Amino acid sequence: MAKIFISILVLILAAAAFSYAADREVNMRGGGLCATSATSLVKDEVASLQQGEKLTLVIEMENKHLIISAIKLEELPVVYEESTDKDITRFVIRLK
């Protein structure tokens, strides 16, 4: 009986760990970001994504072209949603 209980507990914990996606948010505001460093950062963050996880990049609205350019130039296998609030833009990125 104890073995069954432990097995069920292990399965529940494994399912909980699997369903908990390590969603991340990266703040890219206010650093005088250049195109090269933005591309490198986006590429590295996307490389660490796993299926089902999401990455949120926060950047000033006037610099959002850096994120879009990085995704397109590097041909990253992602889909993204863009939303703007006041002077910031959020990109929610997921693997295709």
C-alpha atoms as a PDB file:
ATOM      1  CA  MET A   1       0.000   0.000   0.000  1.00  0.00           C
ATOM      2  CA  ALA A   2       2.846   2.373   0.844  1.00  0.00           C
ATOM      3  CA  LYS A   3       4.507   1.668  -2.523  1.00  0.00           C
ATOM      4  CA  ILE A   4       1.307   2.546  -4.365  1.00  0.00           C
ATOM      5  CA  PHE A   5       0.940   5.754  -2.366  1.00  0.00           C
ATOM      6  CA  ILE A   6       4.549   6.752  -3.063  1.00  0.00           C
ATOM      7  CA  SER A   7       4.154   5.930  -6.763  1.00  0.00           C
ATOM      8  CA  ILE A   8       1.021   8.061  -7.004  1.00  0.00           C
ATOM      9  CA  LEU A   9       2.723  10.897  -5.134  1.00  0.00           C
ATOM     10  CA  VAL A  10       5.730  10.756  -7.484  1.00  0.00           C
ATOM     11  CA  LEU A  11       3.423  10.845 -10.519  1.00  0.00           C
ATOM     12  CA  ILE A  12       1.526  13.825  -9.138  1.00  0.00           C
ATOM     13  CA  LEU A  13       4.755  15.720  -8.423  1.00  0.00           C
ATOM     14  CA  ALA A  14       6.143  14.896 -11.875  1.00  0.00           C
ATOM     15  CA  ALA A  15       2.937  16.079 -13.539  1.00  0.00           C
ATOM     16  CA  ALA A  16       3.003  19.291 -11.524  1.00  0.00           C
ATOM     17  CA  ALA A  17       6.634  19.942 -12.437  1.00  0.00           C
ATOM     18  CA  PHE A  18       5.936  19.236 -16.111  1.00  0.00           C
ATOM     19  CA  SER A  19       2.887  21.469 -16.239  1.00  0.00           C
ATOM     20  CA  TYR A  20       4.749  24.315 -14.550  1.00  0.00           C
ATOM     21  CA  ALA A  21       6.332  25.963 -17.543  1.00  0.00           C
ATOM     22  CA  ALA A  22       9.260  28.158 -16.697  1.00  0.00           C
ATOM     23  CA  ASP A  23       7.759  31.305 -18.184  1.00  0.00           C
ATOM     24  CA  ARG A  24      10.248  34.148 -18.120  1.00  0.00           C
ATOM     25  CA  GLU A  25      10.137  37.892 -18.530  1.00  0.00           C
ATOM     26  CA  VAL A  26      13.184  39.833 -19.646  1.00  0.00           C
ATOM     27  CA  ASN A  27      13.257  43.591 -19.137  1.00  0.00           C
ATOM     28  CA  MET A  28      15.171  45.179 -22.013  1.00  0.00           C
ATOM     29  CA  ARG A  29      14.263  48.779 -21.160  1.00  0.00           C
ATOM     30  CA  GLY A  30      16.627  51.634 -20.453  1.00  0.00           C
ATOM     31  CA  GLY A  31      19.974  50.205 -21.365  1.00  0.00           C
ATOM     32  CA  GLY A  32      20.901  51.878 -24.621  1.00  0.00           C
ATOM     33  CA  LEU A  33      20.461  48.553 -26.391  1.00  0.00           C
ATOM     34  CA  CYS A  34      22.084  48.233 -29.809  1.00  0.00           C
ATOM     35  CA  ALA A  35      20.906  45.918 -32.589  1.00  0.00           C
ATOM     36  CA  THR A  36      23.766  43.453 -32.072  1.00  0.00           C
ATOM     37  CA  SER A  37      23.247  43.010 -28.338  1.00  0.00           C
ATOM     38  CA  ALA A  38      19.455  42.833 -28.732  1.00  0.00           C
ATOM     39  CA  THR A  39      19.799  40.140 -31.397  1.00  0.00           C
ATOM     40  CA  SER A  40      22.242  38.176 -29.261  1.00  0.00           C
ATOM     41  CA  LEU A  41      20.001  38.390 -26.194  1.00  0.00           C
ATOM     42  CA  VAL A  42      16.855  37.360 -28.083  1.00  0.00           C
ATOM     43  CA  LYS A  43      18.681  34.493 -29.791  1.00  0.00           C
ATOM     44  CA  ASP A  44      20.079  33.180 -26.474  1.00  0.00           C
ATOM     45  CA  GLU A  45      16.738  33.444 -24.683  1.00  0.00           C
ATOM     46  CA  VAL A  46      14.886  31.662 -27.501  1.00  0.00           C
ATOM     47  CA  ALA A  47      17.548  28.932 -27.580  1.00  0.00           C
ATOM     48  CA  SER A  48      16.801  28.167 -23.929  1.00  0.00           C
ATOM     49  CA  LEU A  49      13.025  27.938 -24.492  1.00  0.00           C
ATOM     50  CA  GLN A  50      11.348  24.558 -24.390  1.00  0.00           C
ATOM     51  CA  GLN A  51       8.056  23.607 -25.996  1.00  0.00           C
ATOM     52  CA  GLY A  52       5.153  25.008 -23.972  1.00  0.00           C
ATOM     53  CA  GLU A  53       7.188  27.751 -22.307  1.00  0.00           C
ATOM     54  CA  LYS A  54       6.727  31.406 -23.051  1.00  0.00           C
ATOM     55  CA  LEU A  55       9.160  34.264 -22.973  1.00  0.00           C
ATOM     56  CA  THR A  56       8.044  37.851 -22.472  1.00  0.00           C
ATOM     57  CA  LEU A  57      10.371  40.594 -23.646  1.00  0.00           C
ATOM     58  CA  VAL A  58       9.643  44.111 -22.402  1.00  0.00           C
ATOM     59  CA  ILE A  59      11.159  47.016 -24.331  1.00  0.00           C
ATOM     60  CA  GLU A  60      10.508  50.680 -25.036  1.00  0.00           C
ATOM     61  CA  MET A  61       8.014  51.178 -27.833  1.00  0.00           C
ATOM     62  CA  GLU A  62      10.500  53.098 -29.954  1.00  0.00           C
ATOM     63  CA  ASN A  63      12.947  50.148 -29.805  1.00  0.00           C
ATOM     64  CA  LYS A  64      10.501  47.357 -30.632  1.00  0.00           C
ATOM     65  CA  HIS A  65      12.003  47.114 -34.121  1.00  0.00           C
ATOM     66  CA  LEU A  66      15.093  45.561 -32.471  1.00  0.00           C
ATOM     67  CA  ILE A  67      13.073  42.535 -31.341  1.00  0.00           C
ATOM     68  CA  ILE A  68      11.226  42.143 -34.633  1.00  0.00           C
ATOM     69  CA  SER A  69      14.489  42.426 -36.584  1.00  0.00           C
ATOM     70  CA  ALA A  70      16.210  39.867 -34.353  1.00  0.00           C
ATOM     71  CA  ILE A  71      13.404  37.339 -34.847  1.00  0.00           C
ATOM     72  CA  LYS A  72      13.292  37.838 -38.623  1.00  0.00           C
ATOM     73  CA  LEU A  73      17.029  38.136 -39.322  1.00  0.00           C
ATOM     74  CA  GLU A  74      17.898  35.070 -37.262  1.00  0.00           C
ATOM     75  CA  GLU A  75      14.868  33.197 -38.683  1.00  0.00           C
ATOM     76  CA  LEU A  76      13.969  32.069 -35.175  1.00  0.00           C
ATOM     77  CA  PRO A  77      11.360  29.272 -35.016  1.00  0.00           C
ATOM     78  CA  VAL A  78       8.908  31.263 -32.915  1.00  0.00           C
ATOM     79  CA  VAL A  79       5.523  32.908 -32.958  1.00  0.00           C
ATOM     80  CA  TYR A  80       4.949  36.098 -31.027  1.00  0.00           C
ATOM     81  CA  GLU A  81       2.216  38.408 -29.886  1.00  0.00           C
ATOM     82  CA  GLU A  82       2.933  42.083 -29.502  1.00  0.00           C
ATOM     83  CA  SER A  83       1.085  44.414 -27.151  1.00  0.00           C
ATOM     84  CA  THR A  84       1.748  48.047 -26.336  1.00  0.00           C
ATOM     85  CA  ASP A  85       0.898  49.819 -23.096  1.00  0.00           C
ATOM     86  CA  LYS A  86       1.846  53.493 -22.747  1.00  0.00           C
ATOM     87  CA  ASP A  87       5.494  53.660 -23.759  1.00  0.00           C
ATOM     88  CA  ILE A  88       6.434  49.962 -23.511  1.00  0.00           C
ATOM     89  CA  THR A  89       5.930  47.011 -25.810  1.00  0.00           C
ATOM     90  CA  ARG A  90       5.647  43.414 -24.636  1.00  0.00           C
ATOM     91  CA  PHE A  91       6.469  40.512 -26.905  1.00  0.00           C
ATOM     92  CA  VAL A  92       5.147  37.143 -25.750  1.00  0.00           C
ATOM     93  CA  ILE A  93       7.212  34.559 -27.600  1.00  0.00           C
ATOM     94  CA  ARG A  94       6.582  30.817 -27.970  1.00  0.00           C
ATOM     95  CA  LEU A  95       8.250  28.128 -30.035  1.00  0.00           C
ATOM     96  CA  LYS A  96       6.423  27.077 -33.212  1.00  0.00           C
END
